[in-house]
Amino acid sequence: MLSRKIENKIAQYLKAFPVVAIIGPRQVGKTTAAKSILNALSEEAIYLDLESPEDVQKLIDAENYFKERENRLIIIDEIQRNIALFPILRSVIDRNRKNGRFILLGSSSPELLLNSSETLAGRIAYLEMHPLLFSEVKSNFSFKDLWIKGGFPNIFLQEDAAMSFEMRIQFIQTYLERELPIIGPICVVYCFEKFIKDDCAYAGAIGQLY
């Protein structure tokens, strides 16, 4: 497991805010970082994934669910799939104002940021998680490794170069078909795909200089 610099920030924010939101693209390491923090803090926590029908069912009566577990830290993954939870979180937090109650994980969609900031103003802190930094991997890997494979942990740690390349292709395709519609109609998918190709070509040309 790679140690991420953001983990120290998460721990600091949990001591100062009732809710810490970690936003960023899929597979960037948000869930792993959150669970790593919990292990370091030795806290018994609850993990809920809003892509799991079983976990969604648990939150049918979300207000009572949270109130009955007010002494436990709750991680809610894929929070952008149920923004209706934000008013409930505000109500529960205001009844028992205590820091470090919730960690929310999700994409940085405009709708998510707008609803969470309006509803949980003064109660929430945001941390944006990026792909791997060279400072996080330089003890075991070269800069060339990071430049070629990119910073998404699973893809970066794939030892088979051909498979790593295939994983990158699959990731880009999934992002275009699944993630962009969640973020919102901010661009035409075809145009964004062309932008990615142009950007890769430019990055490759720059890489040849070094």
N, C-alpha and C. Protein backbone atom coordinates (compact mmCIF):
# COMPACT_ATOMS: atom_id res chain seq x y z
N MET A 1 0.84 -1.19 0.00
CA MET A 1 0.00 0.00 0.00
C MET A 1 0.88 1.25 0.00
N LEU A 2 0.51 2.22 -0.83
CA LEU A 2 1.26 3.46 -0.90
C LEU A 2 0.71 4.46 0.11
N SER A 3 1.62 5.14 0.79
CA SER A 3 1.20 6.16 1.75
C SER A 3 0.90 7.45 0.99
N ARG A 4 -0.27 8.02 1.24
CA ARG A 4 -0.68 9.23 0.55
C ARG A 4 -0.56 10.44 1.46
N LYS A 5 -0.06 11.53 0.93
CA LYS A 5 0.14 12.73 1.73
C LYS A 5 -1.17 13.31 2.26
N ILE A 6 -2.23 13.09 1.53
CA ILE A 6 -3.52 13.64 1.93
C ILE A 6 -4.03 13.04 3.24
N GLU A 7 -3.51 11.89 3.63
CA GLU A 7 -4.00 11.23 4.83
C GLU A 7 -3.77 12.07 6.09
N ASN A 8 -2.66 12.78 6.15
CA ASN A 8 -2.41 13.65 7.31
C ASN A 8 -3.45 14.77 7.38
N LYS A 9 -3.82 15.30 6.21
CA LYS A 9 -4.81 16.37 6.15
C LYS A 9 -6.17 15.86 6.58
N ILE A 10 -6.53 14.65 6.16
CA ILE A 10 -7.80 14.08 6.55
C ILE A 10 -7.89 13.97 8.07
N ALA A 11 -6.84 13.46 8.68
CA ALA A 11 -6.81 13.30 10.13
C ALA A 11 -6.95 14.65 10.83
N GLN A 12 -6.30 15.67 10.32
CA GLN A 12 -6.40 17.01 10.91
C GLN A 12 -7.81 17.57 10.79
N TYR A 13 -8.42 17.40 9.63
CA TYR A 13 -9.77 17.94 9.42
C TYR A 13 -10.81 17.21 10.24
N LEU A 14 -10.62 15.92 10.47
CA LEU A 14 -11.57 15.17 11.29
C LEU A 14 -11.64 15.71 12.72
N LYS A 15 -10.56 16.30 13.16
CA LYS A 15 -10.53 16.87 14.51
C LYS A 15 -11.18 18.25 14.58
N ALA A 16 -11.42 18.85 13.41
CA ALA A 16 -11.90 20.24 13.38
C ALA A 16 -13.29 20.42 12.78
N PHE A 17 -13.78 19.39 12.04
CA PHE A 17 -15.07 19.52 11.35
C PHE A 17 -15.92 18.27 11.58
N PRO A 18 -17.25 18.43 11.65
CA PRO A 18 -18.12 17.25 11.75
C PRO A 18 -18.08 16.38 10.50
N VAL A 19 -17.89 17.01 9.33
CA VAL A 19 -17.89 16.27 8.06
C VAL A 19 -16.64 16.62 7.27
N VAL A 20 -15.99 15.59 6.75
CA VAL A 20 -14.87 15.79 5.83
C VAL A 20 -15.25 15.12 4.51
N ALA A 21 -15.25 15.90 3.44
CA ALA A 21 -15.57 15.37 2.11
C ALA A 21 -14.29 15.22 1.30
N ILE A 22 -14.05 14.02 0.81
CA ILE A 22 -12.90 13.75 -0.05
C ILE A 22 -13.44 13.55 -1.46
N ILE A 23 -13.10 14.46 -2.34
CA ILE A 23 -13.64 14.41 -3.69
C ILE A 23 -12.52 14.14 -4.70
N GLY A 24 -12.88 13.54 -5.80
CA GLY A 24 -11.88 13.22 -6.81
C GLY A 24 -12.40 12.14 -7.73
N PRO A 25 -11.68 11.84 -8.80
CA PRO A 25 -12.14 10.84 -9.77
C PRO A 25 -12.15 9.43 -9.18
N ARG A 26 -12.88 8.57 -9.83
CA ARG A 26 -12.96 7.16 -9.43
C ARG A 26 -11.58 6.51 -9.54
N GLN A 27 -11.28 5.61 -8.60
CA GLN A 27 -10.05 4.83 -8.59
C GLN A 27 -8.80 5.65 -8.27
N VAL A 28 -8.99 6.85 -7.72
CA VAL A 28 -7.83 7.66 -7.37
C VAL A 28 -7.27 7.30 -5.99
N GLY A 29 -8.06 6.54 -5.20
CA GLY A 29 -7.59 6.09 -3.89
C GLY A 29 -8.33 6.69 -2.72
N LYS A 30 -9.51 7.25 -2.93
CA LYS A 30 -10.26 7.92 -1.85
C LYS A 30 -10.64 6.93 -0.74
N THR A 31 -11.22 5.80 -1.13
CA THR A 31 -11.67 4.82 -0.14
C THR A 31 -10.50 4.24 0.63
N THR A 32 -9.43 3.92 -0.07
CA THR A 32 -8.24 3.36 0.58
C THR A 32 -7.65 4.34 1.58
N ALA A 33 -7.59 5.62 1.20
CA ALA A 33 -7.04 6.64 2.10
C ALA A 33 -7.91 6.79 3.34
N ALA A 34 -9.22 6.81 3.16
CA ALA A 34 -10.13 6.97 4.30
C ALA A 34 -10.00 5.80 5.27
N LYS A 35 -9.95 4.58 4.73
CA LYS A 35 -9.82 3.40 5.60
C LYS A 35 -8.46 3.34 6.28
N SER A 36 -7.43 3.82 5.60
CA SER A 36 -6.11 3.87 6.20
C SER A 36 -6.08 4.80 7.40
N ILE A 37 -6.77 5.93 7.27
CA ILE A 37 -6.86 6.88 8.39
C ILE A 37 -7.57 6.23 9.57
N LEU A 38 -8.63 5.52 9.30
CA LEU A 38 -9.38 4.86 10.39
C LEU A 38 -8.53 3.83 11.10
N ASN A 39 -7.75 3.08 10.35
CA ASN A 39 -6.87 2.09 10.98
C ASN A 39 -5.83 2.78 11.86
N ALA A 40 -5.33 3.92 11.40
CA ALA A 40 -4.33 4.65 12.16
C ALA A 40 -4.93 5.22 13.44
N LEU A 41 -6.21 5.63 13.38
CA LEU A 41 -6.87 6.20 14.55
C LEU A 41 -7.44 5.15 15.48
N SER A 42 -7.40 3.89 15.03
CA SER A 42 -7.93 2.77 15.83
C SER A 42 -9.39 2.98 16.21
N GLU A 43 -10.17 3.50 15.27
CA GLU A 43 -11.59 3.75 15.53
C GLU A 43 -12.44 2.70 14.84
N GLU A 44 -13.51 2.30 15.52
CA GLU A 44 -14.48 1.40 14.90
C GLU A 44 -15.43 2.25 14.07
N ALA A 45 -15.43 2.05 12.78
CA ALA A 45 -16.22 2.90 11.90
C ALA A 45 -17.15 2.05 11.04
N ILE A 46 -18.09 2.74 10.42
CA ILE A 46 -19.05 2.09 9.52
C ILE A 46 -18.77 2.58 8.11
N TYR A 47 -18.70 1.66 7.16
CA TYR A 47 -18.48 2.02 5.76
C TYR A 47 -19.74 1.68 4.97
N LEU A 48 -20.28 2.67 4.26
CA LEU A 48 -21.46 2.49 3.43
C LEU A 48 -21.13 2.89 1.99
N ASP A 49 -21.49 2.03 1.05
CA ASP A 49 -21.26 2.29 -0.36
C ASP A 49 -22.61 2.47 -1.05
N LEU A 50 -22.88 3.67 -1.56
CA LEU A 50 -24.18 3.94 -2.16
C LEU A 50 -24.36 3.29 -3.53
N GLU A 51 -23.38 2.52 -3.98
CA GLU A 51 -23.57 1.68 -5.16
C GLU A 51 -23.96 0.26 -4.77
N SER A 52 -24.02 0.00 -3.46
CA SER A 52 -24.42 -1.31 -2.95
C SER A 52 -25.90 -1.27 -2.55
N PRO A 53 -26.75 -2.08 -3.17
CA PRO A 53 -28.17 -2.10 -2.80
C PRO A 53 -28.39 -2.38 -1.31
N GLU A 54 -27.54 -3.23 -0.74
CA GLU A 54 -27.67 -3.55 0.68
C GLU A 54 -27.44 -2.31 1.55
N ASP A 55 -26.41 -1.52 1.21
CA ASP A 55 -26.12 -0.32 2.00
C ASP A 55 -27.16 0.77 1.75
N VAL A 56 -27.65 0.87 0.52
CA VAL A 56 -28.71 1.83 0.22
C VAL A 56 -29.95 1.52 1.06
N GLN A 57 -30.26 0.24 1.21
CA GLN A 57 -31.42 -0.17 2.00
C GLN A 57 -31.27 0.25 3.46
N LYS A 58 -30.05 0.23 3.98
CA LYS A 58 -29.81 0.63 5.37
C LYS A 58 -30.19 2.09 5.61
N LEU A 59 -30.14 2.90 4.55
CA LEU A 59 -30.39 4.34 4.70
C LEU A 59 -31.79 4.74 4.26
N ILE A 60 -32.73 3.78 4.23
CA ILE A 60 -34.12 4.11 3.93
C ILE A 60 -34.63 5.09 5.00
N ASP A 61 -34.29 4.82 6.25
CA ASP A 61 -34.57 5.76 7.34
C ASP A 61 -33.23 6.30 7.83
N ALA A 62 -32.62 7.15 7.01
CA ALA A 62 -31.24 7.60 7.26
C ALA A 62 -31.11 8.37 8.57
N GLU A 63 -32.10 9.18 8.89
CA GLU A 63 -31.99 10.01 10.10
C GLU A 63 -31.86 9.14 11.35
N ASN A 64 -32.70 8.15 11.48
CA ASN A 64 -32.61 7.26 12.65
C ASN A 64 -31.34 6.42 12.61
N TYR A 65 -30.95 5.99 11.43
CA TYR A 65 -29.72 5.21 11.29
C TYR A 65 -28.53 5.99 11.82
N PHE A 66 -28.43 7.26 11.45
CA PHE A 66 -27.32 8.10 11.90
C PHE A 66 -27.42 8.39 13.40
N LYS A 67 -28.62 8.66 13.88
CA LYS A 67 -28.79 9.00 15.30
C LYS A 67 -28.44 7.82 16.19
N GLU A 68 -28.78 6.61 15.78
CA GLU A 68 -28.48 5.42 16.57
C GLU A 68 -27.00 5.09 16.58
N ARG A 69 -26.24 5.70 15.67
CA ARG A 69 -24.80 5.42 15.57
C ARG A 69 -23.99 6.71 15.68
N GLU A 70 -24.47 7.62 16.51
CA GLU A 70 -23.86 8.95 16.60
C GLU A 70 -22.47 8.95 17.23
N ASN A 71 -22.11 7.85 17.87
CA ASN A 71 -20.77 7.77 18.48
C ASN A 71 -19.76 7.04 17.59
N ARG A 72 -20.18 6.74 16.38
CA ARG A 72 -19.27 6.05 15.46
C ARG A 72 -19.04 6.89 14.21
N LEU A 73 -17.84 6.85 13.71
CA LEU A 73 -17.52 7.54 12.47
C LEU A 73 -18.12 6.76 11.30
N ILE A 74 -18.82 7.46 10.41
CA ILE A 74 -19.48 6.82 9.28
C ILE A 74 -18.88 7.34 7.97
N ILE A 75 -18.42 6.41 7.14
CA ILE A 75 -17.91 6.74 5.81
C ILE A 75 -19.02 6.44 4.81
N ILE A 76 -19.36 7.42 3.98
CA ILE A 76 -20.36 7.21 2.94
C ILE A 76 -19.68 7.41 1.59
N ASP A 77 -19.57 6.32 0.85
CA ASP A 77 -18.91 6.35 -0.45
C ASP A 77 -19.94 6.59 -1.56
N GLU A 78 -19.49 7.23 -2.65
CA GLU A 78 -20.35 7.56 -3.79
C GLU A 78 -21.51 8.45 -3.35
N ILE A 79 -21.22 9.43 -2.51
CA ILE A 79 -22.25 10.30 -1.94
C ILE A 79 -23.02 11.06 -3.01
N GLN A 80 -22.42 11.29 -4.18
CA GLN A 80 -23.11 12.02 -5.25
C GLN A 80 -24.35 11.30 -5.75
N ARG A 81 -24.49 10.02 -5.39
CA ARG A 81 -25.64 9.25 -5.83
C ARG A 81 -26.88 9.50 -4.97
N ASN A 82 -26.73 10.21 -3.86
CA ASN A 82 -27.89 10.52 -3.02
C ASN A 82 -27.68 11.85 -2.30
N ILE A 83 -27.80 12.94 -3.05
CA ILE A 83 -27.59 14.26 -2.45
C ILE A 83 -28.72 14.64 -1.49
N ALA A 84 -29.81 13.86 -1.49
CA ALA A 84 -30.90 14.11 -0.55
C ALA A 84 -30.47 13.84 0.89
N LEU A 85 -29.32 13.20 1.07
CA LEU A 85 -28.82 12.93 2.42
C LEU A 85 -28.30 14.19 3.11
N PHE A 86 -27.96 15.24 2.34
CA PHE A 86 -27.33 16.41 2.95
C PHE A 86 -28.19 17.11 3.99
N PRO A 87 -29.49 17.37 3.73
CA PRO A 87 -30.32 17.98 4.79
C PRO A 87 -30.42 17.11 6.03
N ILE A 88 -30.43 15.78 5.83
CA ILE A 88 -30.50 14.87 6.98
C ILE A 88 -29.20 14.94 7.78
N LEU A 89 -28.08 14.98 7.09
CA LEU A 89 -26.79 15.12 7.78
C LEU A 89 -26.74 16.41 8.58
N ARG A 90 -27.22 17.49 8.00
CA ARG A 90 -27.22 18.77 8.71
C ARG A 90 -28.05 18.68 9.99
N SER A 91 -29.23 18.08 9.88
CA SER A 91 -30.12 17.96 11.05
C SER A 91 -29.49 17.11 12.15
N VAL A 92 -28.91 15.98 11.75
CA VAL A 92 -28.28 15.07 12.72
C VAL A 92 -27.08 15.74 13.39
N ILE A 93 -26.27 16.42 12.61
CA ILE A 93 -25.08 17.08 13.15
C ILE A 93 -25.46 18.19 14.12
N ASP A 94 -26.49 18.97 13.78
CA ASP A 94 -26.87 20.10 14.63
C ASP A 94 -27.47 19.64 15.95
N ARG A 95 -28.01 18.42 15.98
CA ARG A 95 -28.53 17.89 17.25
C ARG A 95 -27.39 17.46 18.18
N ASN A 96 -26.29 17.05 17.59
CA ASN A 96 -25.14 16.60 18.39
C ASN A 96 -23.88 17.05 17.66
N ARG A 97 -23.51 18.31 17.88
CA ARG A 97 -22.37 18.90 17.17
C ARG A 97 -21.07 18.31 17.72
N LYS A 98 -20.49 17.42 16.94
CA LYS A 98 -19.25 16.76 17.33
C LYS A 98 -18.40 16.58 16.08
N ASN A 99 -17.13 16.84 16.19
CA ASN A 99 -16.25 16.73 15.03
C ASN A 99 -15.94 15.27 14.71
N GLY A 100 -15.61 15.04 13.45
CA GLY A 100 -15.21 13.70 13.02
C GLY A 100 -16.33 12.69 12.96
N ARG A 101 -17.54 13.12 12.59
CA ARG A 101 -18.67 12.20 12.55
C ARG A 101 -18.83 11.49 11.20
N PHE A 102 -18.51 12.20 10.12
CA PHE A 102 -18.74 11.63 8.80
C PHE A 102 -17.56 11.91 7.87
N ILE A 103 -17.26 10.92 7.02
CA ILE A 103 -16.38 11.12 5.87
C ILE A 103 -17.20 10.81 4.64
N LEU A 104 -17.29 11.78 3.74
CA LEU A 104 -18.04 11.60 2.50
C LEU A 104 -17.05 11.46 1.35
N LEU A 105 -17.26 10.47 0.50
CA LEU A 105 -16.40 10.25 -0.65
C LEU A 105 -17.23 10.37 -1.91
N GLY A 106 -16.72 11.12 -2.89
CA GLY A 106 -17.49 11.25 -4.12
C GLY A 106 -16.77 12.03 -5.19
N SER A 107 -17.43 12.15 -6.33
CA SER A 107 -16.87 12.91 -7.44
C SER A 107 -17.10 14.40 -7.21
N SER A 108 -16.29 15.20 -7.86
CA SER A 108 -16.39 16.66 -7.68
C SER A 108 -17.37 17.24 -8.69
N SER A 109 -18.60 16.73 -8.70
CA SER A 109 -19.61 17.23 -9.62
C SER A 109 -20.15 18.56 -9.12
N PRO A 110 -20.54 19.47 -10.04
CA PRO A 110 -21.09 20.76 -9.62
C PRO A 110 -22.29 20.62 -8.70
N GLU A 111 -23.17 19.64 -9.00
CA GLU A 111 -24.37 19.45 -8.19
C GLU A 111 -24.00 19.04 -6.77
N LEU A 112 -23.03 18.15 -6.64
CA LEU A 112 -22.59 17.71 -5.32
C LEU A 112 -22.01 18.87 -4.52
N LEU A 113 -21.11 19.62 -5.13
CA LEU A 113 -20.47 20.72 -4.43
C LEU A 113 -21.47 21.80 -4.03
N LEU A 114 -22.43 22.09 -4.92
CA LEU A 114 -23.42 23.12 -4.63
C LEU A 114 -24.31 22.71 -3.48
N ASN A 115 -24.86 21.49 -3.53
CA ASN A 115 -25.78 21.05 -2.49
C ASN A 115 -25.10 20.87 -1.15
N SER A 116 -23.90 20.32 -1.16
CA SER A 116 -23.21 20.09 0.11
C SER A 116 -22.76 21.39 0.74
N SER A 117 -22.28 22.33 -0.06
CA SER A 117 -21.81 23.59 0.50
C SER A 117 -22.95 24.44 1.04
N GLU A 118 -24.11 24.41 0.34
CA GLU A 118 -25.26 25.18 0.81
C GLU A 118 -25.86 24.58 2.07
N THR A 119 -25.96 23.25 2.11
CA THR A 119 -26.63 22.59 3.23
C THR A 119 -25.74 22.45 4.45
N LEU A 120 -24.46 22.18 4.23
CA LEU A 120 -23.55 21.89 5.35
C LEU A 120 -22.53 23.00 5.58
N ALA A 121 -22.85 24.21 5.18
CA ALA A 121 -21.93 25.33 5.38
C ALA A 121 -21.53 25.45 6.84
N GLY A 122 -20.24 25.56 7.10
CA GLY A 122 -19.73 25.66 8.45
C GLY A 122 -19.57 24.32 9.15
N ARG A 123 -20.01 23.26 8.50
CA ARG A 123 -19.93 21.93 9.11
C ARG A 123 -19.04 20.99 8.33
N ILE A 124 -18.64 21.40 7.13
CA ILE A 124 -17.94 20.49 6.22
C ILE A 124 -16.63 21.10 5.72
N ALA A 125 -15.63 20.24 5.55
CA ALA A 125 -14.36 20.64 4.94
C ALA A 125 -14.12 19.74 3.73
N TYR A 126 -13.58 20.34 2.66
CA TYR A 126 -13.35 19.60 1.42
C TYR A 126 -11.86 19.34 1.21
N LEU A 127 -11.57 18.15 0.74
CA LEU A 127 -10.22 17.80 0.31
C LEU A 127 -10.32 17.16 -1.07
N GLU A 128 -9.59 17.71 -2.03
CA GLU A 128 -9.60 17.12 -3.36
C GLU A 128 -8.41 16.18 -3.50
N MET A 129 -8.70 14.94 -3.87
CA MET A 129 -7.65 13.94 -3.99
C MET A 129 -7.23 13.79 -5.44
N HIS A 130 -5.94 13.89 -5.66
CA HIS A 130 -5.37 13.79 -7.00
C HIS A 130 -4.67 12.43 -7.18
N PRO A 131 -4.33 12.06 -8.40
CA PRO A 131 -3.52 10.86 -8.62
C PRO A 131 -2.18 10.96 -7.90
N LEU A 132 -1.44 9.88 -7.90
CA LEU A 132 -0.18 9.79 -7.17
C LEU A 132 0.79 10.91 -7.54
N LEU A 133 1.45 11.44 -6.53
CA LEU A 133 2.52 12.40 -6.72
C LEU A 133 3.85 11.65 -6.76
N PHE A 134 4.83 12.22 -7.43
CA PHE A 134 6.13 11.56 -7.48
C PHE A 134 6.74 11.44 -6.09
N SER A 135 6.49 12.42 -5.23
CA SER A 135 7.03 12.37 -3.86
C SER A 135 6.45 11.20 -3.07
N GLU A 136 5.30 10.67 -3.50
CA GLU A 136 4.67 9.54 -2.81
C GLU A 136 5.21 8.19 -3.29
N VAL A 137 5.91 8.17 -4.42
CA VAL A 137 6.36 6.89 -4.97
C VAL A 137 7.87 6.84 -5.23
N LYS A 138 8.56 7.96 -5.03
CA LYS A 138 9.95 8.05 -5.47
C LYS A 138 10.89 7.12 -4.72
N SER A 139 10.49 6.63 -3.55
CA SER A 139 11.36 5.74 -2.80
C SER A 139 11.49 4.37 -3.48
N ASN A 140 10.50 4.00 -4.30
CA ASN A 140 10.52 2.68 -4.94
C ASN A 140 10.40 2.71 -6.46
N PHE A 141 10.07 3.90 -7.01
CA PHE A 141 9.84 3.98 -8.45
C PHE A 141 10.54 5.20 -9.03
N SER A 142 10.74 5.18 -10.35
CA SER A 142 11.35 6.32 -11.03
C SER A 142 10.27 7.27 -11.54
N PHE A 143 10.71 8.46 -11.90
CA PHE A 143 9.77 9.42 -12.47
C PHE A 143 9.21 8.90 -13.80
N LYS A 144 10.05 8.15 -14.53
CA LYS A 144 9.60 7.59 -15.80
C LYS A 144 8.42 6.64 -15.61
N ASP A 145 8.47 5.85 -14.52
CA ASP A 145 7.35 4.94 -14.23
C ASP A 145 6.05 5.72 -14.10
N LEU A 146 6.11 6.82 -13.35
CA LEU A 146 4.92 7.62 -13.12
C LEU A 146 4.48 8.32 -14.40
N TRP A 147 5.43 8.80 -15.18
CA TRP A 147 5.12 9.51 -16.42
C TRP A 147 4.41 8.60 -17.41
N ILE A 148 4.88 7.36 -17.52
CA ILE A 148 4.32 6.44 -18.51
C ILE A 148 2.98 5.86 -18.06
N LYS A 149 2.90 5.42 -16.81
CA LYS A 149 1.71 4.72 -16.34
C LYS A 149 0.64 5.65 -15.79
N GLY A 150 1.02 6.86 -15.40
CA GLY A 150 0.05 7.75 -14.78
C GLY A 150 -0.10 7.46 -13.29
N GLY A 151 -0.88 8.29 -12.60
CA GLY A 151 -0.90 8.25 -11.15
C GLY A 151 -2.06 7.53 -10.50
N PHE A 152 -2.91 6.83 -11.26
CA PHE A 152 -3.98 6.08 -10.62
C PHE A 152 -3.38 4.79 -10.03
N PRO A 153 -3.53 4.58 -8.73
CA PRO A 153 -2.76 3.54 -8.03
C PRO A 153 -2.81 2.15 -8.65
N ASN A 154 -4.02 1.63 -8.97
CA ASN A 154 -4.10 0.27 -9.50
C ASN A 154 -3.38 0.13 -10.83
N ILE A 155 -3.51 1.15 -11.66
CA ILE A 155 -2.85 1.12 -12.97
C ILE A 155 -1.34 1.27 -12.80
N PHE A 156 -0.94 2.18 -11.92
CA PHE A 156 0.48 2.43 -11.70
C PHE A 156 1.19 1.20 -11.13
N LEU A 157 0.53 0.48 -10.25
CA LEU A 157 1.16 -0.67 -9.59
C LEU A 157 1.10 -1.96 -10.41
N GLN A 158 0.42 -1.92 -11.55
CA GLN A 158 0.37 -3.08 -12.43
C GLN A 158 1.76 -3.29 -13.07
N GLU A 159 2.37 -4.43 -12.77
CA GLU A 159 3.73 -4.69 -13.23
C GLU A 159 3.80 -5.01 -14.73
N ASP A 160 2.76 -5.62 -15.26
CA ASP A 160 2.73 -5.96 -16.69
C ASP A 160 2.45 -4.68 -17.48
N ALA A 161 3.41 -4.23 -18.27
CA ALA A 161 3.29 -2.97 -19.00
C ALA A 161 2.12 -2.98 -19.98
N ALA A 162 1.93 -4.10 -20.66
CA ALA A 162 0.84 -4.21 -21.63
C ALA A 162 -0.51 -4.12 -20.94
N MET A 163 -0.63 -4.78 -19.80
CA MET A 163 -1.89 -4.75 -19.06
C MET A 163 -2.13 -3.36 -18.47
N SER A 164 -1.06 -2.72 -18.02
CA SER A 164 -1.20 -1.35 -17.50
C SER A 164 -1.74 -0.43 -18.58
N PHE A 165 -1.24 -0.60 -19.80
CA PHE A 165 -1.73 0.21 -20.92
C PHE A 165 -3.21 -0.07 -21.19
N GLU A 166 -3.57 -1.35 -21.18
CA GLU A 166 -4.97 -1.73 -21.42
C GLU A 166 -5.88 -1.16 -20.34
N MET A 167 -5.40 -1.15 -19.09
CA MET A 167 -6.19 -0.59 -17.98
C MET A 167 -6.40 0.91 -18.17
N ARG A 168 -5.40 1.60 -18.71
CA ARG A 168 -5.56 3.03 -18.96
C ARG A 168 -6.61 3.28 -20.04
N ILE A 169 -6.59 2.47 -21.09
CA ILE A 169 -7.58 2.61 -22.16
C ILE A 169 -8.99 2.37 -21.61
N GLN A 170 -9.13 1.33 -20.82
CA GLN A 170 -10.44 1.00 -20.25
C GLN A 170 -10.93 2.09 -19.30
N PHE A 171 -9.99 2.65 -18.54
CA PHE A 171 -10.35 3.71 -17.59
C PHE A 171 -10.88 4.93 -18.34
N ILE A 172 -10.19 5.33 -19.38
CA ILE A 172 -10.59 6.51 -20.16
C ILE A 172 -11.98 6.28 -20.76
N GLN A 173 -12.21 5.09 -21.31
CA GLN A 173 -13.50 4.79 -21.92
C GLN A 173 -14.61 4.83 -20.88
N THR A 174 -14.36 4.26 -19.72
CA THR A 174 -15.35 4.27 -18.65
C THR A 174 -15.64 5.69 -18.19
N TYR A 175 -14.59 6.50 -18.09
CA TYR A 175 -14.77 7.89 -17.67
C TYR A 175 -15.66 8.64 -18.65
N LEU A 176 -15.42 8.46 -19.94
CA LEU A 176 -16.20 9.16 -20.95
C LEU A 176 -17.66 8.73 -20.94
N GLU A 177 -17.90 7.43 -20.72
CA GLU A 177 -19.26 6.90 -20.83
C GLU A 177 -20.04 6.97 -19.53
N ARG A 178 -19.31 6.97 -18.38
CA ARG A 178 -20.02 6.88 -17.10
C ARG A 178 -19.84 8.10 -16.21
N GLU A 179 -18.62 8.58 -16.09
CA GLU A 179 -18.35 9.67 -15.15
C GLU A 179 -18.84 11.02 -15.66
N LEU A 180 -18.61 11.31 -16.92
CA LEU A 180 -19.04 12.62 -17.44
C LEU A 180 -20.54 12.85 -17.29
N PRO A 181 -21.40 11.86 -17.57
CA PRO A 181 -22.83 12.09 -17.37
C PRO A 181 -23.18 12.39 -15.91
N ILE A 182 -22.43 11.83 -14.95
CA ILE A 182 -22.68 12.11 -13.54
C ILE A 182 -22.30 13.54 -13.21
N ILE A 183 -21.15 13.99 -13.73
CA ILE A 183 -20.69 15.35 -13.47
C ILE A 183 -21.67 16.36 -14.02
N GLY A 184 -22.26 16.08 -15.18
CA GLY A 184 -23.26 16.98 -15.72
C GLY A 184 -22.96 17.32 -17.17
N PRO A 185 -23.92 17.95 -17.84
CA PRO A 185 -23.76 18.28 -19.28
C PRO A 185 -22.86 19.50 -19.48
N ILE A 186 -21.60 19.37 -19.09
CA ILE A 186 -20.69 20.50 -19.17
C ILE A 186 -19.92 20.51 -20.48
N CYS A 187 -19.98 19.43 -21.20
CA CYS A 187 -19.27 19.40 -22.47
C CYS A 187 -19.79 18.27 -23.34
N VAL A 188 -19.49 18.31 -24.59
CA VAL A 188 -19.82 17.23 -25.50
C VAL A 188 -18.74 16.15 -25.36
N VAL A 189 -19.17 14.90 -25.17
CA VAL A 189 -18.22 13.82 -24.92
C VAL A 189 -17.19 13.72 -26.04
N TYR A 190 -17.63 13.87 -27.28
CA TYR A 190 -16.71 13.78 -28.41
C TYR A 190 -15.60 14.83 -28.29
N CYS A 191 -15.99 16.05 -27.93
CA CYS A 191 -15.00 17.14 -27.80
C CYS A 191 -14.02 16.85 -26.67
N PHE A 192 -14.53 16.30 -25.59
CA PHE A 192 -13.65 16.00 -24.46
C PHE A 192 -12.70 14.87 -24.81
N GLU A 193 -13.19 13.89 -25.56
CA GLU A 193 -12.34 12.78 -25.99
C GLU A 193 -11.21 13.30 -26.89
N LYS A 194 -11.54 14.24 -27.77
CA LYS A 194 -10.53 14.84 -28.64
C LYS A 194 -9.50 15.62 -27.82
N PHE A 195 -9.99 16.31 -26.78
CA PHE A 195 -9.10 17.05 -25.91
C PHE A 195 -8.10 16.12 -25.22
N ILE A 196 -8.58 14.96 -24.73
CA ILE A 196 -7.71 13.99 -24.07
C ILE A 196 -6.62 13.51 -25.03
N LYS A 197 -7.01 13.19 -26.27
CA LYS A 197 -6.03 12.72 -27.26
C LYS A 197 -4.99 13.79 -27.57
N ASP A 198 -5.43 15.03 -27.74
CA ASP A 198 -4.50 16.12 -28.01
C ASP A 198 -3.57 16.35 -26.83
N ASP A 199 -4.12 16.26 -25.63
CA ASP A 199 -3.32 16.47 -24.43
C ASP A 199 -2.26 15.37 -24.29
N CYS A 200 -2.65 14.13 -24.59
CA CYS A 200 -1.69 13.01 -24.52
C CYS A 200 -0.57 13.19 -25.54
N ALA A 201 -0.94 13.64 -26.74
CA ALA A 201 0.07 13.86 -27.78
C ALA A 201 1.05 14.95 -27.35
N TYR A 202 0.52 15.99 -26.74
CA TYR A 202 1.39 17.08 -26.27
C TYR A 202 2.31 16.60 -25.16
N ALA A 203 1.73 15.83 -24.19
CA ALA A 203 2.54 15.32 -23.09
C ALA A 203 3.63 14.39 -23.60
N GLY A 204 3.30 13.57 -24.61
CA GLY A 204 4.29 12.68 -25.18
C GLY A 204 5.43 13.44 -25.85
N ALA A 205 5.08 14.51 -26.53
CA ALA A 205 6.10 15.32 -27.20
C ALA A 205 7.02 15.98 -26.18
N ILE A 206 6.45 16.47 -25.09
CA ILE A 206 7.25 17.08 -24.03
C ILE A 206 8.16 16.05 -23.39
N GLY A 207 7.59 14.82 -23.22
CA GLY A 207 8.37 13.75 -22.59
C GLY A 207 9.61 13.39 -23.39
N GLN A 208 9.53 13.53 -24.71
CA GLN A 208 10.69 13.21 -25.56
C GLN A 208 11.86 14.17 -25.32
N LEU A 209 11.57 15.32 -24.75
CA LEU A 209 12.62 16.31 -24.50
C LEU A 209 13.44 15.97 -23.27
N TYR A 210 12.94 15.07 -22.43
CA TYR A 210 13.62 14.77 -21.17
C TYR A 210 14.20 13.37 -21.21
